[in-house]
Amino acid sequence: MLPTRIISQDGSCKYSFPLESNLRMESAFFMVPGRERPNIACISTQLGCAVRCQFCSTAEMPFFRNLTAREMLSEVTTILEDQYGPRILLEGFEVSFMGMGEPLANLKNVLKAVREIGSRYPEITRVSVSTAGPADRIHALIREMPIAPPIHLQISLHATNDETRRTLIPNAPETISKLLSAARKYHDVTGDQVFVNYVLIKGINDSPEDARWLARLDKEAFYIKISQLNTIAGLPAHLVPASMKEILQFSSMLALMGAAHKVFVGDGLDVQASCGQLAAIPREIVQVELQEEECSTVNLS
C-alpha cells in the first residue's frame, strides 16, 4: 500500500505510512510564513511511546518498536516529493523529530537518519529534536556533536515542579533539575538556545508562581515556547486547555518578568496533525492516496 495524506483547511498535510502487522507511522507537513525556515516536516521516531504524556495521542497506543533510519528518511522523502521539494528546500525546510515517540530513546537511528537527511538534502541547515529526557540521553547526544545538519534541542517540560510533571508525564524519567542541567550543557557545548516546550493547562501549570519560575530560567540558554493543549481522544477530564485569552495573559506575565518566550499556535488541528495528535487518522476524514510516481523512491519495507 502507498502512503496516504489528508489535507487541512489551513493547507497542512497529515501523512500515514502503512507498515507491517497493520501498524502505521504518521507525519505532518506545515507551512508557517515568517519563519526563517517556513516549511516544516514533523516526523515520527517510534511506533508508540513509553513516556506516556497524558495529553498525547501516541500514549493511547502500546509501544511497538523503534523506527529505522530508513523509515524516518522515507517520511521526509515522501513529504518533499509530495510538496515539490525544490521549492520548499529553496524557501527553507526544517525536519522536526517531534511526531510519534521519544526521539532520544531511539538515538542511534535518529542520528543515522539526521546524517542521511543532511547527505541527501544539503539545503537543510537545521533539524529539531524534542525530548522528555532523561538527562543521560541528552549527554549521549552531546557526545555525538558536532553533527550535520545541526540539531536544535527542545525539552518537553510542561511543569515547574516534579510532582506536577509526574501527573502530566507519568513516566517522566527524573527530576526537572537534572533535565535542565543536561540541557544547559547542550547549550554550552553547541551554543544553541534550547527551547522549553510548555503546554498550558488550566489550573495545573498556569499560575503566577509558574510564570515566575519560568522567568528565572537563564535567557541565554533557554527560550520558552508556550502552546495550547490540543484536543485528542481519551484526554483526561481534568486536563482542560487554557483558552487563547488565558495563554496571552500568561504570556503577558512572562513579558513583564522579562522572560524570553513566544506563544506557539499549532496548525492542522482539523485533521489531527498538530502537536500530540499523531497516532491514528480519524475515519470520517477522507484520505487521498498519493500518486504512484510521487512515492516511487520511497521504500517502506
C-alpha atoms as a PDB file:
ATOM      1  CA  MET A   1       0.000   0.000   0.000  1.00  0.00           C
ATOM      2  CA  LEU A   2       1.089   3.557  -0.736  1.00  0.00           C
ATOM      3  CA  PRO A   3       1.301   6.353   1.846  1.00  0.00           C
ATOM      4  CA  THR A   4      -1.825   8.464   2.161  1.00  0.00           C
ATOM      5  CA  ARG A   5      -2.391  12.094   3.057  1.00  0.00           C
ATOM      6  CA  ILE A   6      -5.210  14.241   4.317  1.00  0.00           C
ATOM      7  CA  ILE A   7      -5.225  17.999   3.843  1.00  0.00           C
ATOM      8  CA  SER A   8      -6.204  20.532   6.498  1.00  0.00           C
ATOM      9  CA  GLN A   9      -8.218  23.645   5.786  1.00  0.00           C
ATOM     10  CA  ASP A  10      -5.084  25.660   6.569  1.00  0.00           C
ATOM     11  CA  GLY A  11      -3.034  23.748   3.981  1.00  0.00           C
ATOM     12  CA  SER A  12      -1.187  21.492   6.408  1.00  0.00           C
ATOM     13  CA  CYS A  13      -0.949  17.821   5.446  1.00  0.00           C
ATOM     14  CA  LYS A  14      -1.037  14.670   7.552  1.00  0.00           C
ATOM     15  CA  TYR A  15       0.637  11.548   6.135  1.00  0.00           C
ATOM     16  CA  SER A  16       0.075   7.914   7.054  1.00  0.00           C
ATOM     17  CA  PHE A  17       2.547   5.166   6.138  1.00  0.00           C
ATOM     18  CA  PRO A  18       1.312   1.559   6.295  1.00  0.00           C
ATOM     19  CA  LEU A  19       3.750  -0.831   7.939  1.00  0.00           C
ATOM     20  CA  GLU A  20       3.754  -4.480   8.980  1.00  0.00           C
ATOM     21  CA  SER A  21       1.054  -6.064  11.153  1.00  0.00           C
ATOM     22  CA  ASN A  22      -1.469  -3.322  10.330  1.00  0.00           C
ATOM     23  CA  LEU A  23       0.751  -0.743  12.029  1.00  0.00           C
ATOM     24  CA  ARG A  24       1.387   2.694  10.602  1.00  0.00           C
ATOM     25  CA  MET A  25       3.566   5.697  11.239  1.00  0.00           C
ATOM     26  CA  GLU A  26       2.302   9.241  10.819  1.00  0.00           C
ATOM     27  CA  SER A  27       3.941  12.527   9.857  1.00  0.00           C
ATOM     28  CA  ALA A  28       2.832  16.059   9.121  1.00  0.00           C
ATOM     29  CA  PHE A  29       3.819  18.995   6.928  1.00  0.00           C
ATOM     30  CA  PHE A  30       3.243  22.629   7.888  1.00  0.00           C
ATOM     31  CA  MET A  31       3.768  25.967   6.166  1.00  0.00           C
ATOM     32  CA  VAL A  32       4.445  28.781   8.628  1.00  0.00           C
ATOM     33  CA  PRO A  33       5.114  32.110   6.848  1.00  0.00           C
ATOM     34  CA  GLY A  34       7.517  34.444   8.585  1.00  0.00           C
ATOM     35  CA  ARG A  35       9.859  31.769   9.945  1.00  0.00           C
ATOM     36  CA  GLU A  36      13.457  31.515   8.768  1.00  0.00           C
ATOM     37  CA  ARG A  37      12.515  28.011   7.649  1.00  0.00           C
ATOM     38  CA  PRO A  38       8.795  28.283   6.839  1.00  0.00           C
ATOM     39  CA  ASN A  39       8.315  24.672   5.673  1.00  0.00           C
ATOM     40  CA  ILE A  40       8.358  22.017   8.393  1.00  0.00           C
ATOM     41  CA  ALA A  41       8.137  18.232   8.325  1.00  0.00           C
ATOM     42  CA  CYS A  42       7.153  16.750  11.685  1.00  0.00           C
ATOM     43  CA  ILE A  43       8.215  13.106  11.627  1.00  0.00           C
ATOM     44  CA  SER A  44       7.870  10.127  13.946  1.00  0.00           C
ATOM     45  CA  THR A  45      10.697   8.148  15.535  1.00  0.00           C
ATOM     46  CA  GLN A  46       8.832   5.292  17.249  1.00  0.00           C
ATOM     47  CA  LEU A  47       5.633   3.286  16.930  1.00  0.00           C
ATOM     48  CA  GLY A  48       4.069   4.106  20.268  1.00  0.00           C
ATOM     49  CA  CYS A  49       5.850   5.793  23.167  1.00  0.00           C
ATOM     50  CA  ALA A  50       6.790   4.671  26.658  1.00  0.00           C
ATOM     51  CA  VAL A  51       6.847   8.202  28.119  1.00  0.00           C
ATOM     52  CA  ARG A  52       3.014   8.242  28.319  1.00  0.00           C
ATOM     53  CA  CYS A  53       2.334  12.000  28.281  1.00  0.00           C
ATOM     54  CA  GLN A  54      -1.315  12.339  29.337  1.00  0.00           C
ATOM     55  CA  PHE A  55      -2.075  14.894  26.604  1.00  0.00           C
ATOM     56  CA  CYS A  56      -0.606  12.930  23.673  1.00  0.00           C
ATOM     57  CA  SER A  57      -2.484  10.612  21.323  1.00  0.00           C
ATOM     58  CA  THR A  58       0.534   8.339  20.941  1.00  0.00           C
ATOM     59  CA  ALA A  59       0.253   7.464  24.636  1.00  0.00           C
ATOM     60  CA  GLU A  60      -3.091   5.787  23.890  1.00  0.00           C
ATOM     61  CA  MET A  61      -1.380   3.069  21.841  1.00  0.00           C
ATOM     62  CA  PRO A  62       1.080   0.423  23.091  1.00  0.00           C
ATOM     63  CA  PHE A  63       4.773   0.810  22.387  1.00  0.00           C
ATOM     64  CA  PHE A  64       5.639  -1.475  19.475  1.00  0.00           C
ATOM     65  CA  ARG A  65       9.145  -0.668  18.289  1.00  0.00           C
ATOM     66  CA  ASN A  66      11.664   1.931  17.187  1.00  0.00           C
ATOM     67  CA  LEU A  67      11.507   3.207  13.630  1.00  0.00           C
ATOM     68  CA  THR A  68      14.564   2.604  11.491  1.00  0.00           C
ATOM     69  CA  ALA A  69      16.630   5.396   9.969  1.00  0.00           C
ATOM     70  CA  ARG A  70      15.366   4.248   6.576  1.00  0.00           C
ATOM     71  CA  GLU A  71      11.754   4.622   7.687  1.00  0.00           C
ATOM     72  CA  MET A  72      12.400   8.108   9.067  1.00  0.00           C
ATOM     73  CA  LEU A  73      14.125   9.086   5.826  1.00  0.00           C
ATOM     74  CA  SER A  74      11.097   7.796   3.899  1.00  0.00           C
ATOM     75  CA  GLU A  75       8.851  10.169   5.869  1.00  0.00           C
ATOM     76  CA  VAL A  76      10.989  13.124   4.816  1.00  0.00           C
ATOM     77  CA  THR A  77      11.347  11.977   1.207  1.00  0.00           C
ATOM     78  CA  THR A  78       7.622  11.414   0.760  1.00  0.00           C
ATOM     79  CA  ILE A  79       6.777  14.850   2.127  1.00  0.00           C
ATOM     80  CA  LEU A  80       9.369  16.568  -0.056  1.00  0.00           C
ATOM     81  CA  GLU A  81       8.200  14.782  -3.199  1.00  0.00           C
ATOM     82  CA  ASP A  82       4.540  15.457  -2.464  1.00  0.00           C
ATOM     83  CA  GLN A  83       5.123  19.141  -1.651  1.00  0.00           C
ATOM     84  CA  TYR A  84       7.513  19.787  -4.561  1.00  0.00           C
ATOM     85  CA  GLY A  85      10.853  19.608  -2.782  1.00  0.00           C
ATOM     86  CA  PRO A  86      12.899  22.063  -4.900  1.00  0.00           C
ATOM     87  CA  ARG A  87      10.569  24.908  -3.990  1.00  0.00           C
ATOM     88  CA  ILE A  88      10.316  24.269  -0.264  1.00  0.00           C
ATOM     89  CA  LEU A  89      14.034  23.486   0.053  1.00  0.00           C
ATOM     90  CA  LEU A  90      14.772  26.835  -1.563  1.00  0.00           C
ATOM     91  CA  GLU A  91      12.305  28.653   0.701  1.00  0.00           C
ATOM     92  CA  GLY A  92      13.690  26.940   3.817  1.00  0.00           C
ATOM     93  CA  PHE A  93      12.865  23.491   5.160  1.00  0.00           C
ATOM     94  CA  GLU A  94      13.274  22.029   8.635  1.00  0.00           C
ATOM     95  CA  VAL A  95      12.817  18.449   9.778  1.00  0.00           C
ATOM     96  CA  SER A  96      11.314  18.208  13.245  1.00  0.00           C
ATOM     97  CA  PHE A  97      11.661  14.899  15.133  1.00  0.00           C
ATOM     98  CA  MET A  98       8.548  15.598  17.208  1.00  0.00           C
ATOM     99  CA  GLY A  99       5.957  13.141  15.922  1.00  0.00           C
ATOM    100  CA  MET A 100       5.145   9.786  17.474  1.00  0.00           C
ATOM    101  CA  GLY A 101       7.690   8.573  20.032  1.00  0.00           C
ATOM    102  CA  GLU A 102      10.560   9.789  22.204  1.00  0.00           C
ATOM    103  CA  PRO A 103      13.424  10.541  19.774  1.00  0.00           C
ATOM    104  CA  LEU A 104      16.301  10.099  22.215  1.00  0.00           C
ATOM    105  CA  ALA A 105      15.019   6.630  23.152  1.00  0.00           C
ATOM    106  CA  ASN A 106      15.887   5.777  19.550  1.00  0.00           C
ATOM    107  CA  LEU A 107      19.068   7.848  19.438  1.00  0.00           C
ATOM    108  CA  LYS A 108      21.184   5.582  17.228  1.00  0.00           C
ATOM    109  CA  ASN A 109      18.610   5.501  14.442  1.00  0.00           C
ATOM    110  CA  VAL A 110      17.730   9.179  14.815  1.00  0.00           C
ATOM    111  CA  LEU A 111      21.383  10.186  14.438  1.00  0.00           C
ATOM    112  CA  LYS A 112      21.741   7.949  11.407  1.00  0.00           C
ATOM    113  CA  ALA A 113      18.606   9.499   9.905  1.00  0.00           C
ATOM    114  CA  VAL A 114      19.885  13.035  10.577  1.00  0.00           C
ATOM    115  CA  ARG A 115      23.156  12.283   8.795  1.00  0.00           C
ATOM    116  CA  GLU A 116      21.397  10.659   5.844  1.00  0.00           C
ATOM    117  CA  ILE A 117      18.960  13.574   5.586  1.00  0.00           C
ATOM    118  CA  GLY A 118      21.878  16.003   5.576  1.00  0.00           C
ATOM    119  CA  SER A 119      23.734  13.994   2.939  1.00  0.00           C
ATOM    120  CA  ARG A 120      20.726  13.691   0.634  1.00  0.00           C
ATOM    121  CA  TYR A 121      19.399  17.219   1.194  1.00  0.00           C
ATOM    122  CA  PRO A 122      22.336  19.567   1.915  1.00  0.00           C
ATOM    123  CA  GLU A 123      19.953  22.539   1.670  1.00  0.00           C
ATOM    124  CA  ILE A 124      18.563  21.556   5.091  1.00  0.00           C
ATOM    125  CA  THR A 125      20.502  23.649   7.598  1.00  0.00           C
ATOM    126  CA  ARG A 126      18.843  22.507  10.828  1.00  0.00           C
ATOM    127  CA  VAL A 127      16.728  19.743  12.327  1.00  0.00           C
ATOM    128  CA  SER A 128      14.858  19.871  15.646  1.00  0.00           C
ATOM    129  CA  VAL A 129      14.600  17.166  18.296  1.00  0.00           C
ATOM    130  CA  SER A 130      12.246  17.331  21.273  1.00  0.00           C
ATOM    131  CA  THR A 131      12.825  15.112  24.304  1.00  0.00           C
ATOM    132  CA  ALA A 132      11.299  14.426  27.705  1.00  0.00           C
ATOM    133  CA  GLY A 133      14.650  13.061  28.910  1.00  0.00           C
ATOM    134  CA  PRO A 134      16.307  11.542  30.826  1.00  0.00           C
ATOM    135  CA  ALA A 135      19.470  13.597  31.160  1.00  0.00           C
ATOM    136  CA  ASP A 136      21.707  10.643  30.237  1.00  0.00           C
ATOM    137  CA  ARG A 137      20.222  10.618  26.730  1.00  0.00           C
ATOM    138  CA  ILE A 138      20.960  14.315  26.312  1.00  0.00           C
ATOM    139  CA  HIS A 139      24.533  13.679  27.440  1.00  0.00           C
ATOM    140  CA  ALA A 140      24.742  10.870  24.870  1.00  0.00           C
ATOM    141  CA  LEU A 141      23.523  13.320  22.229  1.00  0.00           C
ATOM    142  CA  ILE A 142      26.157  15.832  23.312  1.00  0.00           C
ATOM    143  CA  ARG A 143      28.887  13.227  22.765  1.00  0.00           C
ATOM    144  CA  GLU A 144      27.822  12.995  19.117  1.00  0.00           C
ATOM    145  CA  MET A 145      28.289  16.713  18.489  1.00  0.00           C
ATOM    146  CA  PRO A 146      29.008  18.273  16.071  1.00  0.00           C
ATOM    147  CA  ILE A 147      26.640  16.782  13.530  1.00  0.00           C
ATOM    148  CA  ALA A 148      25.375  17.983  10.166  1.00  0.00           C
ATOM    149  CA  PRO A 149      22.800  19.320   9.898  1.00  0.00           C
ATOM    150  CA  PRO A 150      22.927  20.779  13.430  1.00  0.00           C
ATOM    151  CA  ILE A 151      20.318  19.605  15.939  1.00  0.00           C
ATOM    152  CA  HIS A 152      18.155  22.228  17.651  1.00  0.00           C
ATOM    153  CA  LEU A 153      17.190  20.728  21.023  1.00  0.00           C
ATOM    154  CA  GLN A 154      13.783  21.213  22.627  1.00  0.00           C
ATOM    155  CA  ILE A 155      12.773  19.989  26.079  1.00  0.00           C
ATOM    156  CA  SER A 156       9.250  18.730  26.809  1.00  0.00           C
ATOM    157  CA  LEU A 157       8.907  20.246  30.271  1.00  0.00           C
ATOM    158  CA  HIS A 158       5.237  21.269  30.822  1.00  0.00           C
ATOM    159  CA  ALA A 159       5.590  21.844  34.572  1.00  0.00           C
ATOM    160  CA  THR A 160       7.695  23.799  37.041  1.00  0.00           C
ATOM    161  CA  ASN A 161       7.853  21.160  39.788  1.00  0.00           C
ATOM    162  CA  ASP A 162       8.429  17.428  39.750  1.00  0.00           C
ATOM    163  CA  GLU A 163       5.111  16.436  41.331  1.00  0.00           C
ATOM    164  CA  THR A 164       3.046  18.229  38.688  1.00  0.00           C
ATOM    165  CA  ARG A 165       5.265  16.951  35.907  1.00  0.00           C
ATOM    166  CA  ARG A 166       4.763  13.349  37.019  1.00  0.00           C
ATOM    167  CA  THR A 167       0.978  13.794  36.896  1.00  0.00           C
ATOM    168  CA  LEU A 168       1.251  15.024  33.303  1.00  0.00           C
ATOM    169  CA  ILE A 169       4.045  12.660  32.267  1.00  0.00           C
ATOM    170  CA  PRO A 170       3.705   9.521  34.454  1.00  0.00           C
ATOM    171  CA  ASN A 171       6.938   8.017  33.147  1.00  0.00           C
ATOM    172  CA  ALA A 172       8.938  11.239  33.404  1.00  0.00           C
ATOM    173  CA  PRO A 173      12.341   9.704  33.930  1.00  0.00           C
ATOM    174  CA  GLU A 174      13.876  12.054  36.517  1.00  0.00           C
ATOM    175  CA  THR A 175      13.883  15.478  38.143  1.00  0.00           C
ATOM    176  CA  ILE A 176      13.430  18.756  36.306  1.00  0.00           C
ATOM    177  CA  SER A 177      16.721  19.924  37.789  1.00  0.00           C
ATOM    178  CA  LYS A 178      18.729  17.104  36.175  1.00  0.00           C
ATOM    179  CA  LEU A 179      16.926  17.525  32.866  1.00  0.00           C
ATOM    180  CA  LEU A 180      17.595  21.253  32.677  1.00  0.00           C
ATOM    181  CA  SER A 181      21.183  20.783  33.801  1.00  0.00           C
ATOM    182  CA  ALA A 182      21.782  18.453  30.851  1.00  0.00           C
ATOM    183  CA  ALA A 183      20.008  20.855  28.512  1.00  0.00           C
ATOM    184  CA  ARG A 184      22.188  23.685  29.811  1.00  0.00           C
ATOM    185  CA  LYS A 185      25.276  21.648  28.997  1.00  0.00           C
ATOM    186  CA  TYR A 186      23.909  21.107  25.478  1.00  0.00           C
ATOM    187  CA  HIS A 187      23.715  24.877  25.118  1.00  0.00           C
ATOM    188  CA  ASP A 188      27.235  25.305  26.487  1.00  0.00           C
ATOM    189  CA  VAL A 189      28.650  22.781  24.018  1.00  0.00           C
ATOM    190  CA  THR A 190      26.706  23.778  20.906  1.00  0.00           C
ATOM    191  CA  GLY A 191      25.946  27.450  21.522  1.00  0.00           C
ATOM    192  CA  ASP A 192      22.323  26.763  20.562  1.00  0.00           C
ATOM    193  CA  GLN A 193      19.496  28.136  22.690  1.00  0.00           C
ATOM    194  CA  VAL A 194      17.380  25.234  23.989  1.00  0.00           C
ATOM    195  CA  PHE A 195      13.621  25.599  23.665  1.00  0.00           C
ATOM    196  CA  VAL A 196      11.466  24.720  26.695  1.00  0.00           C
ATOM    197  CA  ASN A 197       8.111  23.376  25.498  1.00  0.00           C
ATOM    198  CA  TYR A 198       5.281  24.201  27.866  1.00  0.00           C
ATOM    199  CA  VAL A 199       1.661  23.213  27.137  1.00  0.00           C
ATOM    200  CA  LEU A 200      -0.572  25.487  29.189  1.00  0.00           C
ATOM    201  CA  ILE A 201      -3.302  23.641  31.128  1.00  0.00           C
ATOM    202  CA  LYS A 202      -5.961  25.421  33.154  1.00  0.00           C
ATOM    203  CA  GLY A 203      -5.401  25.170  36.901  1.00  0.00           C
ATOM    204  CA  ILE A 204      -2.421  22.811  36.514  1.00  0.00           C
ATOM    205  CA  ASN A 205       0.608  24.790  35.363  1.00  0.00           C
ATOM    206  CA  ASP A 206      -0.703  28.303  34.665  1.00  0.00           C
ATOM    207  CA  SER A 207      -0.244  30.136  37.967  1.00  0.00           C
ATOM    208  CA  PRO A 208       1.740  33.352  38.539  1.00  0.00           C
ATOM    209  CA  GLU A 209       4.194  31.199  40.514  1.00  0.00           C
ATOM    210  CA  ASP A 210       4.698  29.030  37.421  1.00  0.00           C
ATOM    211  CA  ALA A 211       5.336  32.148  35.343  1.00  0.00           C
ATOM    212  CA  ARG A 212       7.875  33.439  37.877  1.00  0.00           C
ATOM    213  CA  TRP A 213       9.695  30.095  37.867  1.00  0.00           C
ATOM    214  CA  LEU A 214       9.912  30.079  34.079  1.00  0.00           C
ATOM    215  CA  ALA A 215      11.065  33.687  34.017  1.00  0.00           C
ATOM    216  CA  ARG A 216      14.021  32.778  36.224  1.00  0.00           C
ATOM    217  CA  LEU A 217      15.463  30.429  33.591  1.00  0.00           C
ATOM    218  CA  ASP A 218      18.721  31.592  32.052  1.00  0.00           C
ATOM    219  CA  LYS A 219      17.710  33.600  28.983  1.00  0.00           C
ATOM    220  CA  GLU A 220      20.931  32.835  27.140  1.00  0.00           C
ATOM    221  CA  ALA A 221      20.472  29.080  27.469  1.00  0.00           C
ATOM    222  CA  PHE A 222      16.669  28.693  27.341  1.00  0.00           C
ATOM    223  CA  TYR A 223      13.749  30.044  25.329  1.00  0.00           C
ATOM    224  CA  ILE A 224      10.201  29.270  26.486  1.00  0.00           C
ATOM    225  CA  LYS A 225       7.583  28.093  23.991  1.00  0.00           C
ATOM    226  CA  ILE A 226       4.044  28.337  25.374  1.00  0.00           C
ATOM    227  CA  SER A 227       1.401  26.373  23.485  1.00  0.00           C
ATOM    228  CA  GLN A 228      -2.243  25.421  23.727  1.00  0.00           C
ATOM    229  CA  LEU A 229      -3.342  21.927  24.700  1.00  0.00           C
ATOM    230  CA  ASN A 230      -4.713  20.246  21.575  1.00  0.00           C
ATOM    231  CA  THR A 231      -7.844  18.106  21.688  1.00  0.00           C
ATOM    232  CA  ILE A 232      -7.312  14.344  21.443  1.00  0.00           C
ATOM    233  CA  ALA A 233      -9.451  11.270  22.044  1.00  0.00           C
ATOM    234  CA  GLY A 234      -9.099   9.981  25.598  1.00  0.00           C
ATOM    235  CA  LEU A 235      -7.864  13.259  27.083  1.00  0.00           C
ATOM    236  CA  PRO A 236      -8.368  13.032  30.896  1.00  0.00           C
ATOM    237  CA  ALA A 237     -11.251  15.215  32.025  1.00  0.00           C
ATOM    238  CA  HIS A 238      -9.121  17.204  34.488  1.00  0.00           C
ATOM    239  CA  LEU A 239      -6.796  18.381  31.713  1.00  0.00           C
ATOM    240  CA  VAL A 240      -8.593  21.470  30.425  1.00  0.00           C
ATOM    241  CA  PRO A 241      -6.876  23.568  27.745  1.00  0.00           C
ATOM    242  CA  ALA A 242      -6.160  27.140  28.700  1.00  0.00           C
ATOM    243  CA  SER A 243      -8.060  29.472  26.381  1.00  0.00           C
ATOM    244  CA  MET A 244      -6.156  31.709  23.993  1.00  0.00           C
ATOM    245  CA  LYS A 245      -7.091  34.664  26.206  1.00  0.00           C
ATOM    246  CA  GLU A 246      -5.566  32.874  29.220  1.00  0.00           C
ATOM    247  CA  ILE A 247      -2.474  31.947  27.209  1.00  0.00           C
ATOM    248  CA  LEU A 248      -1.980  35.579  26.228  1.00  0.00           C
ATOM    249  CA  GLN A 249      -2.433  36.641  29.851  1.00  0.00           C
ATOM    250  CA  PHE A 250       0.241  34.129  30.894  1.00  0.00           C
ATOM    251  CA  SER A 251       2.450  35.440  28.091  1.00  0.00           C
ATOM    252  CA  SER A 252       1.948  38.988  29.386  1.00  0.00           C
ATOM    253  CA  MET A 253       3.095  37.899  32.841  1.00  0.00           C
ATOM    254  CA  LEU A 254       6.218  36.362  31.325  1.00  0.00           C
ATOM    255  CA  ALA A 255       6.866  39.508  29.287  1.00  0.00           C
ATOM    256  CA  LEU A 256       6.584  41.738  32.374  1.00  0.00           C
ATOM    257  CA  MET A 257       9.135  39.496  34.085  1.00  0.00           C
ATOM    258  CA  GLY A 258      11.491  39.735  31.117  1.00  0.00           C
ATOM    259  CA  ALA A 259      11.225  36.078  30.090  1.00  0.00           C
ATOM    260  CA  ALA A 260      12.429  35.103  26.625  1.00  0.00           C
ATOM    261  CA  HIS A 261       9.388  33.356  25.170  1.00  0.00           C
ATOM    262  CA  LYS A 262       6.809  33.037  22.413  1.00  0.00           C
ATOM    263  CA  VAL A 263       3.282  31.695  22.007  1.00  0.00           C
ATOM    264  CA  PHE A 264       3.066  28.758  19.613  1.00  0.00           C
ATOM    265  CA  VAL A 265      -0.201  28.026  17.809  1.00  0.00           C
ATOM    266  CA  GLY A 266      -0.470  24.635  16.111  1.00  0.00           C
ATOM    267  CA  ASP A 267      -1.702  24.036  12.569  1.00  0.00           C
ATOM    268  CA  GLY A 268      -3.629  21.141  11.055  1.00  0.00           C
ATOM    269  CA  LEU A 269      -5.931  20.795  14.052  1.00  0.00           C
ATOM    270  CA  ASP A 270      -8.939  19.809  11.951  1.00  0.00           C
ATOM    271  CA  VAL A 271      -7.126  16.721  10.650  1.00  0.00           C
ATOM    272  CA  GLN A 272      -5.431  15.867  13.972  1.00  0.00           C
ATOM    273  CA  ALA A 273      -1.975  16.719  12.621  1.00  0.00           C
ATOM    274  CA  SER A 274      -0.751  19.088  15.334  1.00  0.00           C
ATOM    275  CA  CYS A 275       1.309  18.558  18.479  1.00  0.00           C
ATOM    276  CA  GLY A 276       0.212  15.495  20.434  1.00  0.00           C
ATOM    277  CA  GLN A 277      -2.323  14.408  17.821  1.00  0.00           C
ATOM    278  CA  LEU A 278      -0.351  11.949  15.680  1.00  0.00           C
ATOM    279  CA  ALA A 279      -1.187   8.257  16.097  1.00  0.00           C
ATOM    280  CA  ALA A 280      -4.408   7.496  14.229  1.00  0.00           C
ATOM    281  CA  ILE A 281      -6.281   9.114  11.333  1.00  0.00           C
ATOM    282  CA  PRO A 282      -9.961   9.776  12.096  1.00  0.00           C
ATOM    283  CA  ARG A 283     -12.083   7.574   9.858  1.00  0.00           C
ATOM    284  CA  GLU A 284     -14.504  10.344   8.996  1.00  0.00           C
ATOM    285  CA  ILE A 285     -11.782  12.271   7.157  1.00  0.00           C
ATOM    286  CA  VAL A 286     -11.355  11.323   3.504  1.00  0.00           C
ATOM    287  CA  GLN A 287      -7.860  10.021   2.744  1.00  0.00           C
ATOM    288  CA  VAL A 288      -6.168  10.920  -0.532  1.00  0.00           C
ATOM    289  CA  GLU A 289      -3.835   8.300  -1.945  1.00  0.00           C
ATOM    290  CA  LEU A 290      -0.613   9.714  -3.329  1.00  0.00           C
ATOM    291  CA  GLN A 291       0.172   9.042  -6.949  1.00  0.00           C
ATOM    292  CA  GLU A 292       2.464   6.107  -7.737  1.00  0.00           C
ATOM    293  CA  GLU A 293       5.123   8.314  -9.334  1.00  0.00           C
ATOM    294  CA  GLU A 294       5.197  10.586  -6.270  1.00  0.00           C
ATOM    295  CA  CYS A 295       6.248   7.724  -3.979  1.00  0.00           C
ATOM    296  CA  SER A 296       8.413   5.730  -6.351  1.00  0.00           C
ATOM    297  CA  THR A 297      11.630   6.460  -4.459  1.00  0.00           C
ATOM    298  CA  VAL A 298      10.222   5.584  -1.030  1.00  0.00           C
ATOM    299  CA  ASN A 299      10.803   2.072   0.277  1.00  0.00           C
ATOM    300  CA  LEU A 300       8.854   1.326   3.433  1.00  0.00           C
ATOM    301  CA  SER A 301       9.793  -2.305   3.698  1.00  0.00           C
END
